[in-house]
């Protein structure tokens, strides 16, 4: 409960009911850039785990990662790309939670810089990008009893011919 109160100043007030009543929350963070040292650490782990079978594959993996990270760095879009990758992780968390009967709410309504300071993420070279609350239906959850409202499928998906 102490950490929940600690992060409250970073969370927009309209999201307080979500963070105040959830059983758990997850802050999803990205690296503040992808350094050569970090990329080498990933490569070393893959070698250790037997994922890369020979020196040629190691060389190709190293070169391709540097190339793709270099593309992002030169366009100054590395953090945006990393954030997009974080959304993939969040989606896995949401689906995994649902498969266990656990409700989840993804939250972008928080101040990242404040969250980073509160959690000391800069000490780890990280930046927060998402907050996900987890828990079970509350008896007074008005969203649980109201019907869902979605646009018709033909308004959001188009068949290209």
N, C-alpha and C. Protein backbone atom coordinates (compact mmCIF):
# COMPACT_ATOMS: atom_id res chain seq x y z
N UNK A 1 0.83 -1.19 0.00
CA UNK A 1 0.00 0.00 0.00
C UNK A 1 0.88 1.25 0.00
N UNK A 2 2.06 1.18 0.56
CA UNK A 2 2.94 2.33 0.66
C UNK A 2 3.35 2.84 -0.73
N UNK A 3 3.68 1.95 -1.65
CA UNK A 3 4.10 2.36 -2.99
C UNK A 3 2.93 2.97 -3.76
N UNK A 4 1.74 2.44 -3.57
CA UNK A 4 0.54 2.99 -4.22
C UNK A 4 0.36 4.46 -3.84
N UNK A 5 0.54 4.77 -2.57
CA UNK A 5 0.42 6.16 -2.11
C UNK A 5 1.59 7.01 -2.64
N UNK A 6 2.73 6.38 -2.74
CA UNK A 6 3.92 7.08 -3.20
C UNK A 6 3.77 7.54 -4.65
N UNK A 7 3.15 6.73 -5.51
CA UNK A 7 3.04 7.10 -6.92
C UNK A 7 1.85 8.02 -7.21
N UNK A 8 0.97 8.20 -6.25
CA UNK A 8 -0.26 8.97 -6.47
C UNK A 8 -0.01 10.37 -7.06
N UNK A 9 1.02 11.09 -6.64
CA UNK A 9 1.26 12.41 -7.24
C UNK A 9 1.55 12.36 -8.74
N UNK A 10 1.98 11.22 -9.24
CA UNK A 10 2.27 11.10 -10.67
C UNK A 10 1.03 10.74 -11.48
N UNK A 11 -0.01 10.26 -10.81
CA UNK A 11 -1.21 9.78 -11.49
C UNK A 11 -2.24 10.90 -11.58
N UNK A 12 -2.81 11.10 -12.76
CA UNK A 12 -3.85 12.11 -12.92
C UNK A 12 -5.03 11.77 -12.01
N UNK A 13 -5.64 12.79 -11.42
CA UNK A 13 -6.68 12.57 -10.40
C UNK A 13 -7.85 11.72 -10.90
N UNK A 14 -8.18 11.79 -12.18
CA UNK A 14 -9.29 10.97 -12.68
C UNK A 14 -8.96 9.48 -12.70
N UNK A 15 -7.68 9.13 -12.53
CA UNK A 15 -7.28 7.72 -12.46
C UNK A 15 -7.04 7.25 -11.03
N UNK A 16 -7.17 8.13 -10.06
CA UNK A 16 -6.96 7.71 -8.66
C UNK A 16 -7.86 6.55 -8.25
N UNK A 17 -9.15 6.54 -8.63
CA UNK A 17 -9.96 5.38 -8.22
C UNK A 17 -9.40 4.05 -8.73
N UNK A 18 -8.77 4.07 -9.88
CA UNK A 18 -8.19 2.84 -10.43
C UNK A 18 -6.95 2.41 -9.65
N UNK A 19 -6.07 3.37 -9.39
CA UNK A 19 -4.85 3.00 -8.67
C UNK A 19 -5.08 2.81 -7.18
N UNK A 20 -6.06 3.52 -6.63
CA UNK A 20 -6.34 3.39 -5.19
C UNK A 20 -6.98 2.05 -4.83
N UNK A 21 -7.72 1.46 -5.77
CA UNK A 21 -8.48 0.25 -5.44
C UNK A 21 -7.97 -1.02 -6.10
N UNK A 22 -7.00 -0.92 -6.99
CA UNK A 22 -6.50 -2.13 -7.65
C UNK A 22 -5.74 -2.99 -6.64
N UNK A 23 -5.68 -4.28 -6.93
CA UNK A 23 -4.90 -5.14 -6.04
C UNK A 23 -3.41 -5.05 -6.36
N UNK A 24 -3.10 -4.81 -7.63
CA UNK A 24 -1.71 -4.70 -8.07
C UNK A 24 -1.64 -3.68 -9.21
N UNK A 25 -0.45 -3.16 -9.43
CA UNK A 25 -0.24 -2.33 -10.61
C UNK A 25 1.16 -2.61 -11.14
N UNK A 26 1.30 -2.38 -12.44
CA UNK A 26 2.58 -2.60 -13.12
C UNK A 26 2.93 -1.31 -13.84
N UNK A 27 4.14 -0.83 -13.62
CA UNK A 27 4.66 0.29 -14.39
C UNK A 27 5.56 -0.31 -15.46
N UNK A 28 5.22 -0.04 -16.71
CA UNK A 28 6.02 -0.55 -17.82
C UNK A 28 6.96 0.57 -18.25
N UNK A 29 8.24 0.25 -18.27
CA UNK A 29 9.26 1.25 -18.59
C UNK A 29 10.12 0.77 -19.76
N UNK A 30 10.73 1.74 -20.41
CA UNK A 30 11.65 1.44 -21.50
C UNK A 30 13.03 1.95 -21.14
N UNK A 31 14.02 1.48 -21.84
CA UNK A 31 15.38 1.99 -21.64
C UNK A 31 15.47 3.38 -22.23
N UNK A 32 16.26 4.21 -21.62
CA UNK A 32 16.48 5.56 -22.14
C UNK A 32 17.59 5.49 -23.20
N UNK A 33 17.24 4.85 -24.31
CA UNK A 33 18.20 4.63 -25.39
C UNK A 33 18.77 3.22 -25.33
N UNK A 34 19.22 2.74 -26.46
CA UNK A 34 19.76 1.39 -26.57
C UNK A 34 21.26 1.48 -26.85
N UNK A 35 22.04 1.46 -25.80
CA UNK A 35 23.49 1.61 -25.93
C UNK A 35 24.12 0.34 -26.49
N UNK A 36 25.32 0.50 -27.02
CA UNK A 36 26.08 -0.67 -27.49
C UNK A 36 26.30 -1.66 -26.35
N UNK A 37 26.55 -1.15 -25.15
CA UNK A 37 26.77 -2.02 -23.98
C UNK A 37 25.54 -2.88 -23.71
N UNK A 38 24.36 -2.28 -23.80
CA UNK A 38 23.12 -3.02 -23.57
C UNK A 38 22.90 -4.06 -24.68
N UNK A 39 23.12 -3.66 -25.92
CA UNK A 39 22.96 -4.60 -27.03
C UNK A 39 23.91 -5.78 -26.90
N UNK A 40 25.13 -5.52 -26.45
CA UNK A 40 26.10 -6.60 -26.23
C UNK A 40 25.67 -7.51 -25.09
N UNK A 41 25.06 -6.95 -24.06
CA UNK A 41 24.57 -7.76 -22.94
C UNK A 41 23.48 -8.73 -23.42
N UNK A 42 22.60 -8.23 -24.31
CA UNK A 42 21.57 -9.12 -24.88
C UNK A 42 22.22 -10.23 -25.68
N UNK A 43 23.18 -9.85 -26.51
CA UNK A 43 23.88 -10.82 -27.35
C UNK A 43 24.60 -11.85 -26.49
N UNK A 44 25.28 -11.41 -25.44
CA UNK A 44 25.98 -12.33 -24.53
C UNK A 44 25.00 -13.32 -23.90
N UNK A 45 23.81 -12.83 -23.51
CA UNK A 45 22.82 -13.72 -22.90
C UNK A 45 22.33 -14.76 -23.92
N UNK A 46 22.12 -14.32 -25.15
CA UNK A 46 21.67 -15.25 -26.19
C UNK A 46 22.73 -16.31 -26.47
N UNK A 47 23.99 -15.92 -26.45
CA UNK A 47 25.08 -16.89 -26.64
C UNK A 47 25.07 -17.88 -25.48
N UNK A 48 24.98 -17.36 -24.27
CA UNK A 48 24.96 -18.20 -23.06
C UNK A 48 23.79 -19.18 -23.09
N UNK A 49 22.63 -18.73 -23.59
CA UNK A 49 21.43 -19.57 -23.63
C UNK A 49 21.42 -20.54 -24.82
N UNK A 50 22.43 -20.47 -25.68
CA UNK A 50 22.50 -21.38 -26.82
C UNK A 50 21.60 -20.98 -27.99
N UNK A 51 21.15 -19.75 -28.00
CA UNK A 51 20.26 -19.28 -29.07
C UNK A 51 21.01 -19.04 -30.37
N UNK A 52 22.25 -18.57 -30.27
CA UNK A 52 23.05 -18.27 -31.45
C UNK A 52 24.08 -19.38 -31.62
N UNK A 53 23.95 -20.12 -32.71
CA UNK A 53 24.66 -21.39 -32.85
C UNK A 53 26.11 -21.30 -33.28
N UNK A 54 26.50 -20.19 -33.92
CA UNK A 54 27.90 -20.08 -34.34
C UNK A 54 28.31 -18.62 -34.46
N UNK A 55 29.61 -18.40 -34.69
CA UNK A 55 30.14 -17.03 -34.74
C UNK A 55 29.53 -16.21 -35.86
N UNK A 56 29.20 -16.83 -36.98
CA UNK A 56 28.61 -16.10 -38.09
C UNK A 56 27.23 -15.54 -37.70
N UNK A 57 26.43 -16.34 -37.01
CA UNK A 57 25.11 -15.88 -36.57
C UNK A 57 25.25 -14.76 -35.54
N UNK A 58 26.23 -14.88 -34.66
CA UNK A 58 26.49 -13.83 -33.67
C UNK A 58 26.84 -12.53 -34.39
N UNK A 59 27.73 -12.61 -35.38
CA UNK A 59 28.14 -11.43 -36.15
C UNK A 59 26.94 -10.80 -36.85
N UNK A 60 26.12 -11.63 -37.50
CA UNK A 60 24.95 -11.12 -38.22
C UNK A 60 23.95 -10.46 -37.26
N UNK A 61 23.75 -11.07 -36.11
CA UNK A 61 22.82 -10.51 -35.12
C UNK A 61 23.33 -9.16 -34.62
N UNK A 62 24.62 -9.09 -34.30
CA UNK A 62 25.23 -7.84 -33.81
C UNK A 62 25.07 -6.74 -34.86
N UNK A 63 25.41 -7.05 -36.11
CA UNK A 63 25.34 -6.05 -37.18
C UNK A 63 23.91 -5.61 -37.47
N UNK A 64 22.97 -6.55 -37.48
CA UNK A 64 21.58 -6.17 -37.79
C UNK A 64 20.99 -5.31 -36.67
N UNK A 65 21.27 -5.64 -35.42
CA UNK A 65 20.76 -4.82 -34.32
C UNK A 65 21.34 -3.41 -34.37
N UNK A 66 22.65 -3.34 -34.59
CA UNK A 66 23.27 -2.01 -34.67
C UNK A 66 22.67 -1.21 -35.83
N UNK A 67 22.41 -1.88 -36.93
CA UNK A 67 21.83 -1.20 -38.08
C UNK A 67 20.45 -0.64 -37.74
N UNK A 68 19.56 -1.47 -37.18
CA UNK A 68 18.20 -1.03 -36.90
C UNK A 68 18.15 0.02 -35.78
N UNK A 69 18.98 -0.16 -34.75
CA UNK A 69 19.03 0.86 -33.70
C UNK A 69 19.61 2.15 -34.28
N UNK A 70 20.61 2.03 -35.15
CA UNK A 70 21.20 3.20 -35.80
C UNK A 70 20.19 3.96 -36.64
N UNK A 71 19.31 3.24 -37.33
CA UNK A 71 18.26 3.89 -38.11
C UNK A 71 17.38 4.73 -37.20
N UNK A 72 16.99 4.18 -36.06
CA UNK A 72 16.13 4.89 -35.12
C UNK A 72 16.88 6.07 -34.50
N UNK A 73 18.16 5.84 -34.13
CA UNK A 73 18.94 6.91 -33.52
C UNK A 73 19.11 8.08 -34.48
N UNK A 74 19.40 7.78 -35.74
CA UNK A 74 19.64 8.86 -36.70
C UNK A 74 18.37 9.67 -36.95
N UNK A 75 17.22 9.06 -36.81
CA UNK A 75 15.94 9.76 -36.98
C UNK A 75 15.41 10.28 -35.64
N UNK A 76 16.16 10.06 -34.56
CA UNK A 76 15.76 10.49 -33.22
C UNK A 76 14.40 9.90 -32.82
N UNK A 77 14.19 8.65 -33.20
CA UNK A 77 12.91 7.99 -32.89
C UNK A 77 13.09 6.74 -32.03
N UNK A 78 14.26 6.54 -31.47
CA UNK A 78 14.51 5.33 -30.68
C UNK A 78 13.52 5.18 -29.53
N UNK A 79 13.30 6.26 -28.77
CA UNK A 79 12.38 6.16 -27.63
C UNK A 79 10.96 5.88 -28.08
N UNK A 80 10.54 6.46 -29.19
CA UNK A 80 9.20 6.18 -29.73
C UNK A 80 9.09 4.72 -30.12
N UNK A 81 10.10 4.19 -30.77
CA UNK A 81 10.11 2.79 -31.17
C UNK A 81 10.08 1.88 -29.94
N UNK A 82 10.88 2.22 -28.92
CA UNK A 82 10.88 1.42 -27.69
C UNK A 82 9.50 1.45 -27.03
N UNK A 83 8.86 2.62 -27.03
CA UNK A 83 7.52 2.73 -26.44
C UNK A 83 6.53 1.84 -27.18
N UNK A 84 6.64 1.78 -28.50
CA UNK A 84 5.77 0.89 -29.28
C UNK A 84 6.00 -0.56 -28.88
N UNK A 85 7.24 -0.91 -28.61
CA UNK A 85 7.54 -2.27 -28.16
C UNK A 85 6.93 -2.53 -26.78
N UNK A 86 6.89 -1.50 -25.94
CA UNK A 86 6.29 -1.64 -24.61
C UNK A 86 4.79 -1.93 -24.72
N UNK A 87 4.14 -1.37 -25.72
CA UNK A 87 2.72 -1.65 -25.93
C UNK A 87 2.49 -3.13 -26.25
N UNK A 88 3.44 -3.74 -26.94
CA UNK A 88 3.34 -5.19 -27.21
C UNK A 88 3.38 -5.95 -25.88
N UNK A 89 4.30 -5.57 -25.00
CA UNK A 89 4.39 -6.21 -23.69
C UNK A 89 3.11 -5.99 -22.89
N UNK A 90 2.58 -4.76 -22.96
CA UNK A 90 1.35 -4.46 -22.24
C UNK A 90 0.19 -5.32 -22.74
N UNK A 91 0.10 -5.49 -24.05
CA UNK A 91 -0.97 -6.31 -24.62
C UNK A 91 -0.88 -7.74 -24.11
N UNK A 92 0.32 -8.26 -24.01
CA UNK A 92 0.51 -9.60 -23.46
C UNK A 92 0.02 -9.65 -22.01
N UNK A 93 0.35 -8.63 -21.24
CA UNK A 93 -0.12 -8.55 -19.85
C UNK A 93 -1.65 -8.50 -19.79
N UNK A 94 -2.28 -7.70 -20.64
CA UNK A 94 -3.74 -7.57 -20.63
C UNK A 94 -4.41 -8.90 -20.99
N UNK A 95 -3.94 -9.54 -22.05
CA UNK A 95 -4.53 -10.82 -22.46
C UNK A 95 -4.25 -11.92 -21.43
N UNK A 96 -3.04 -11.94 -20.90
CA UNK A 96 -2.71 -12.93 -19.88
C UNK A 96 -3.56 -12.77 -18.64
N UNK A 97 -3.76 -11.54 -18.22
CA UNK A 97 -4.61 -11.27 -17.05
C UNK A 97 -6.03 -11.73 -17.31
N UNK A 98 -6.56 -11.37 -18.48
CA UNK A 98 -7.93 -11.76 -18.83
C UNK A 98 -8.09 -13.28 -18.84
N UNK A 99 -7.07 -13.98 -19.31
CA UNK A 99 -7.16 -15.44 -19.36
C UNK A 99 -7.22 -16.05 -17.96
N UNK A 100 -6.75 -15.31 -16.96
CA UNK A 100 -6.81 -15.75 -15.57
C UNK A 100 -8.01 -15.19 -14.82
N UNK A 101 -8.87 -14.46 -15.53
CA UNK A 101 -10.04 -13.86 -14.91
C UNK A 101 -9.73 -12.61 -14.11
N UNK A 102 -8.59 -12.00 -14.40
CA UNK A 102 -8.18 -10.78 -13.70
C UNK A 102 -8.44 -9.59 -14.61
N UNK A 103 -9.11 -8.58 -14.09
CA UNK A 103 -9.37 -7.37 -14.86
C UNK A 103 -8.10 -6.52 -14.90
N UNK A 104 -8.00 -5.73 -15.96
CA UNK A 104 -6.85 -4.84 -16.09
C UNK A 104 -7.29 -3.55 -16.76
N UNK A 105 -6.60 -2.48 -16.42
CA UNK A 105 -6.86 -1.19 -17.04
C UNK A 105 -5.53 -0.56 -17.43
N UNK A 106 -5.30 -0.39 -18.73
CA UNK A 106 -4.10 0.34 -19.15
C UNK A 106 -4.30 1.83 -18.92
N UNK A 107 -3.28 2.48 -18.39
CA UNK A 107 -3.40 3.91 -18.05
C UNK A 107 -2.24 4.68 -18.67
N UNK A 108 -2.61 5.68 -19.46
CA UNK A 108 -1.62 6.63 -19.93
C UNK A 108 -1.75 7.94 -19.17
N UNK A 109 -2.79 8.06 -18.37
CA UNK A 109 -3.06 9.29 -17.63
C UNK A 109 -2.20 9.41 -16.40
N UNK A 110 -0.91 9.58 -16.62
CA UNK A 110 0.01 9.86 -15.52
C UNK A 110 1.18 10.67 -16.07
N UNK A 111 1.89 11.32 -15.18
CA UNK A 111 3.01 12.16 -15.56
C UNK A 111 4.29 11.33 -15.49
N UNK A 112 4.81 11.00 -16.67
CA UNK A 112 5.96 10.10 -16.75
C UNK A 112 7.17 10.59 -15.97
N UNK A 113 7.52 11.86 -16.13
CA UNK A 113 8.70 12.38 -15.44
C UNK A 113 8.55 12.31 -13.92
N UNK A 114 7.36 12.60 -13.43
CA UNK A 114 7.11 12.51 -11.99
C UNK A 114 7.21 11.06 -11.53
N UNK A 115 6.61 10.14 -12.31
CA UNK A 115 6.68 8.72 -11.98
C UNK A 115 8.14 8.26 -11.95
N UNK A 116 8.90 8.67 -12.95
CA UNK A 116 10.31 8.27 -13.03
C UNK A 116 11.09 8.73 -11.80
N UNK A 117 10.82 9.97 -11.36
CA UNK A 117 11.51 10.50 -10.18
C UNK A 117 11.10 9.74 -8.92
N UNK A 118 9.80 9.52 -8.77
CA UNK A 118 9.29 8.83 -7.58
C UNK A 118 9.91 7.43 -7.47
N UNK A 119 9.96 6.72 -8.59
CA UNK A 119 10.47 5.34 -8.58
C UNK A 119 11.98 5.26 -8.77
N UNK A 120 12.63 6.39 -9.03
CA UNK A 120 14.08 6.39 -9.24
C UNK A 120 14.48 5.66 -10.52
N UNK A 121 13.62 5.69 -11.52
CA UNK A 121 13.90 4.94 -12.75
C UNK A 121 15.14 5.44 -13.48
N UNK A 122 15.46 6.72 -13.33
CA UNK A 122 16.65 7.25 -13.99
C UNK A 122 17.92 6.57 -13.47
N UNK A 123 17.88 6.07 -12.24
CA UNK A 123 19.03 5.33 -11.69
C UNK A 123 19.29 4.04 -12.46
N UNK A 124 18.27 3.56 -13.17
CA UNK A 124 18.38 2.32 -13.94
C UNK A 124 18.41 2.58 -15.44
N UNK A 125 18.42 3.85 -15.84
CA UNK A 125 18.41 4.20 -17.26
C UNK A 125 17.07 3.90 -17.91
N UNK A 126 15.97 4.05 -17.13
CA UNK A 126 14.64 3.72 -17.62
C UNK A 126 13.72 4.93 -17.63
N UNK A 127 12.66 4.83 -18.44
CA UNK A 127 11.60 5.85 -18.50
C UNK A 127 10.26 5.11 -18.49
N UNK A 128 9.34 5.56 -17.67
CA UNK A 128 8.01 4.94 -17.63
C UNK A 128 7.20 5.37 -18.84
N UNK A 129 6.41 4.43 -19.38
CA UNK A 129 5.56 4.77 -20.52
C UNK A 129 4.11 4.33 -20.32
N UNK A 130 3.88 3.35 -19.48
CA UNK A 130 2.53 2.82 -19.25
C UNK A 130 2.36 2.40 -17.81
N UNK A 131 1.12 2.45 -17.37
CA UNK A 131 0.75 1.96 -16.05
C UNK A 131 -0.45 1.05 -16.26
N UNK A 132 -0.43 -0.12 -15.66
CA UNK A 132 -1.55 -1.06 -15.79
C UNK A 132 -1.99 -1.45 -14.39
N UNK A 133 -3.28 -1.28 -14.12
CA UNK A 133 -3.82 -1.72 -12.84
C UNK A 133 -4.44 -3.10 -13.04
N UNK A 134 -4.39 -3.90 -11.99
CA UNK A 134 -4.90 -5.27 -12.02
C UNK A 134 -5.79 -5.51 -10.82
N UNK A 135 -6.80 -6.34 -10.99
CA UNK A 135 -7.67 -6.67 -9.87
C UNK A 135 -8.94 -7.34 -10.34
N UNK A 136 -9.93 -7.36 -9.46
CA UNK A 136 -11.22 -7.99 -9.75
C UNK A 136 -12.32 -6.94 -9.70
N UNK A 137 -13.46 -7.27 -10.30
CA UNK A 137 -14.59 -6.33 -10.31
C UNK A 137 -14.92 -5.86 -8.90
N UNK A 138 -15.16 -4.57 -8.81
CA UNK A 138 -15.67 -4.01 -7.56
C UNK A 138 -17.19 -4.07 -7.61
N UNK A 139 -17.83 -4.22 -6.47
CA UNK A 139 -19.29 -4.30 -6.42
C UNK A 139 -19.94 -3.06 -7.01
N UNK A 140 -19.28 -1.91 -6.90
CA UNK A 140 -19.86 -0.68 -7.40
C UNK A 140 -19.27 -0.23 -8.76
N UNK A 141 -18.70 -1.17 -9.51
CA UNK A 141 -18.10 -0.84 -10.81
C UNK A 141 -19.20 -0.61 -11.84
N UNK A 142 -19.43 0.64 -12.17
CA UNK A 142 -20.51 0.97 -13.11
C UNK A 142 -20.23 0.45 -14.52
N UNK A 143 -18.98 0.26 -14.87
CA UNK A 143 -18.66 -0.27 -16.20
C UNK A 143 -18.98 -1.75 -16.33
N UNK A 144 -18.99 -2.46 -15.22
CA UNK A 144 -19.26 -3.91 -15.28
C UNK A 144 -20.72 -4.20 -15.61
N UNK A 145 -21.62 -3.29 -15.28
CA UNK A 145 -23.05 -3.55 -15.49
C UNK A 145 -23.62 -2.85 -16.72
N UNK A 146 -22.89 -1.88 -17.26
CA UNK A 146 -23.38 -1.18 -18.45
C UNK A 146 -22.97 -1.93 -19.70
N UNK A 147 -23.80 -1.88 -20.75
CA UNK A 147 -23.40 -2.55 -21.99
C UNK A 147 -22.19 -1.87 -22.62
N UNK A 148 -21.40 -2.64 -23.33
CA UNK A 148 -20.27 -2.08 -24.07
C UNK A 148 -20.81 -1.34 -25.28
N UNK A 149 -20.08 -0.37 -25.75
CA UNK A 149 -20.47 0.38 -26.93
C UNK A 149 -19.28 0.44 -27.87
N UNK A 150 -19.46 -0.10 -29.06
CA UNK A 150 -18.40 -0.14 -30.06
C UNK A 150 -18.95 0.29 -31.41
N UNK A 151 -18.12 0.91 -32.22
CA UNK A 151 -18.52 1.21 -33.59
C UNK A 151 -18.74 -0.09 -34.34
N UNK A 152 -19.60 -0.07 -35.35
CA UNK A 152 -19.79 -1.27 -36.16
C UNK A 152 -18.48 -1.67 -36.84
N UNK A 153 -18.29 -2.96 -37.04
CA UNK A 153 -17.06 -3.49 -37.62
C UNK A 153 -16.75 -2.83 -38.96
N UNK A 154 -17.77 -2.58 -39.79
CA UNK A 154 -17.50 -1.99 -41.11
C UNK A 154 -17.07 -0.53 -41.04
N UNK A 155 -17.11 0.07 -39.85
CA UNK A 155 -16.64 1.44 -39.67
C UNK A 155 -15.19 1.51 -39.22
N UNK A 156 -14.62 0.35 -38.83
CA UNK A 156 -13.24 0.35 -38.36
C UNK A 156 -12.33 -0.57 -39.16
N UNK A 157 -12.93 -1.48 -39.95
CA UNK A 157 -12.15 -2.40 -40.78
C UNK A 157 -12.64 -2.30 -42.21
N UNK A 158 -11.72 -2.06 -43.12
CA UNK A 158 -12.07 -1.96 -44.53
C UNK A 158 -11.38 -3.07 -45.29
N UNK A 159 -12.11 -3.67 -46.19
CA UNK A 159 -11.54 -4.71 -47.07
C UNK A 159 -10.94 -4.01 -48.27
N UNK A 160 -9.68 -4.24 -48.53
CA UNK A 160 -9.00 -3.63 -49.66
C UNK A 160 -9.09 -4.59 -50.85
N UNK A 161 -9.54 -4.09 -51.97
CA UNK A 161 -9.69 -4.94 -53.16
C UNK A 161 -8.77 -4.47 -54.25
